[in-house]
C-alpha atoms as a PDB file:
ATOM      1  CA  MET A   1     110.723 125.463 109.547  1.00  0.00           C
ATOM      2  CA  ARG A   2     110.913 122.126 108.032  1.00  0.00           C
ATOM      3  CA  TRP A   3     112.777 123.152 104.894  1.00  0.00           C
ATOM      4  CA  LYS A   4     115.690 123.789 106.802  1.00  0.00           C
ATOM      5  CA  GLN A   5     116.317 119.929 107.106  1.00  0.00           C
ATOM      6  CA  PHE A   6     117.168 119.914 103.411  1.00  0.00           C
ATOM      7  CA  PHE A   7     120.090 121.862 104.372  1.00  0.00           C
ATOM      8  CA  THR A   8     121.348 119.461 106.796  1.00  0.00           C
ATOM      9  CA  PRO A   9     124.654 117.875 106.047  1.00  0.00           C
ATOM     10  CA  ALA A  10     124.170 114.363 104.912  1.00  0.00           C
ATOM     11  CA  GLU A  11     126.706 111.515 104.625  1.00  0.00           C
ATOM     12  CA  SER A  12     126.830 109.431 101.504  1.00  0.00           C
ATOM     13  CA  MET A  13     127.033 105.737 101.629  1.00  0.00           C
ATOM     14  CA  PRO A  14     128.588 103.476  98.929  1.00  0.00           C
ATOM     15  CA  ALA A  15     125.946 100.671  98.122  1.00  0.00           C
ATOM     16  CA  THR A  16     127.998  97.940  99.511  1.00  0.00           C
ATOM     17  CA  GLU A  17     128.193  99.693 102.928  1.00  0.00           C
ATOM     18  CA  ALA A  18     124.458 100.220 102.836  1.00  0.00           C
ATOM     19  CA  LYS A  19     123.720  96.558 102.062  1.00  0.00           C
ATOM     20  CA  THR A  20     125.932  95.633 105.284  1.00  0.00           C
ATOM     21  CA  PHE A  21     124.072  98.377 107.343  1.00  0.00           C
ATOM     22  CA  MET A  22     120.695  97.044 106.393  1.00  0.00           C
ATOM     23  CA  ALA A  23     121.849  93.350 106.937  1.00  0.00           C
ATOM     24  CA  GLU A  24     123.110  94.203 110.342  1.00  0.00           C
ATOM     25  CA  LYS A  25     119.987  95.696 111.544  1.00  0.00           C
ATOM     26  CA  SER A  26     116.112  94.888 111.715  1.00  0.00           C
ATOM     27  CA  GLN A  27     113.867  96.731 109.208  1.00  0.00           C
ATOM     28  CA  ASP A  28     112.344  98.598 112.227  1.00  0.00           C
ATOM     29  CA  GLU A  29     115.602 100.290 113.277  1.00  0.00           C
ATOM     30  CA  PHE A  30     116.001 102.479 110.099  1.00  0.00           C
ATOM     31  CA  ASN A  31     114.033 104.425 107.465  1.00  0.00           C
ATOM     32  CA  LEU A  32     114.456 103.117 103.667  1.00  0.00           C
ATOM     33  CA  VAL A  33     113.040 105.720 101.566  1.00  0.00           C
ATOM     34  CA  ASP A  34     112.797 105.412  97.666  1.00  0.00           C
ATOM     35  CA  VAL A  35     112.469 108.828  96.144  1.00  0.00           C
ATOM     36  CA  ARG A  36     111.924 107.560  92.545  1.00  0.00           C
ATOM     37  CA  GLN A  37     108.731 107.586  90.446  1.00  0.00           C
ATOM     38  CA  PRO A  38     106.045 105.230  90.941  1.00  0.00           C
ATOM     39  CA  LYS A  39     106.506 103.223  87.744  1.00  0.00           C
ATOM     40  CA  GLU A  40     110.121 102.760  88.769  1.00  0.00           C
ATOM     41  CA  TYR A  41     109.302 101.654  92.421  1.00  0.00           C
ATOM     42  CA  GLU A  42     106.459  99.109  90.896  1.00  0.00           C
ATOM     43  CA  ALA A  43     109.248  97.680  88.462  1.00  0.00           C
ATOM     44  CA  HIS A  44     111.797  97.090  91.222  1.00  0.00           C
ATOM     45  CA  HIS A  45     112.523  98.416  94.556  1.00  0.00           C
ATOM     46  CA  ILE A  46     114.156  97.187  97.766  1.00  0.00           C
ATOM     47  CA  PRO A  47     111.720  95.108 100.132  1.00  0.00           C
ATOM     48  CA  GLY A  48     110.848  97.215 103.104  1.00  0.00           C
ATOM     49  CA  SER A  49     111.448 100.535 101.255  1.00  0.00           C
ATOM     50  CA  LYS A  50     108.535 103.207 101.505  1.00  0.00           C
ATOM     51  CA  LEU A  51     107.961 105.277  98.244  1.00  0.00           C
ATOM     52  CA  ILE A  52     107.984 109.053  98.791  1.00  0.00           C
ATOM     53  CA  PRO A  53     108.783 110.541  95.304  1.00  0.00           C
ATOM     54  CA  ILE A  54     111.512 113.457  95.546  1.00  0.00           C
ATOM     55  CA  ALA A  55     108.769 115.932  94.333  1.00  0.00           C
ATOM     56  CA  ASP A  56     106.368 114.910  97.546  1.00  0.00           C
ATOM     57  CA  LEU A  57     109.411 114.549  99.951  1.00  0.00           C
ATOM     58  CA  ASP A  58     108.809 118.130 101.564  1.00  0.00           C
ATOM     59  CA  LYS A  59     105.059 117.339 102.322  1.00  0.00           C
ATOM     60  CA  ARG A  60     105.520 113.951 103.398  1.00  0.00           C
ATOM     61  CA  LEU A  61     108.352 114.289 105.977  1.00  0.00           C
ATOM     62  CA  ASP A  62     106.085 113.431 108.768  1.00  0.00           C
ATOM     63  CA  GLU A  63     106.060 109.716 107.449  1.00  0.00           C
ATOM     64  CA  ILE A  64     109.548 109.501 108.228  1.00  0.00           C
ATOM     65  CA  ASP A  65     110.725 108.696 111.970  1.00  0.00           C
ATOM     66  CA  PRO A  66     113.366 111.258 112.668  1.00  0.00           C
ATOM     67  CA  SER A  67     114.867 109.099 115.536  1.00  0.00           C
ATOM     68  CA  LYS A  68     116.123 106.558 113.319  1.00  0.00           C
ATOM     69  CA  PRO A  69     118.834 106.593 110.826  1.00  0.00           C
ATOM     70  CA  THR A  70     117.292 107.251 107.113  1.00  0.00           C
ATOM     71  CA  LEU A  71     118.667 105.702 104.014  1.00  0.00           C
ATOM     72  CA  VAL A  72     117.181 107.306 100.811  1.00  0.00           C
ATOM     73  CA  TYR A  73     117.890 106.067  97.018  1.00  0.00           C
END
């Protein structure tokens, strides 16, 4: 059942650490998911991020490569 993924412990990462992580890797080495609303994404988002609003996340998990680290904001 895919909903069990939401109960898997996740690490929190400070913004400075996330910036360093992204700077040290190429964009194809990790998933970057923006879970905000479309208007917020359109106003400003991190280049390379994929918009999947939090309300849609459970229906769109197949768009996230599970073999790569995932950063969500």
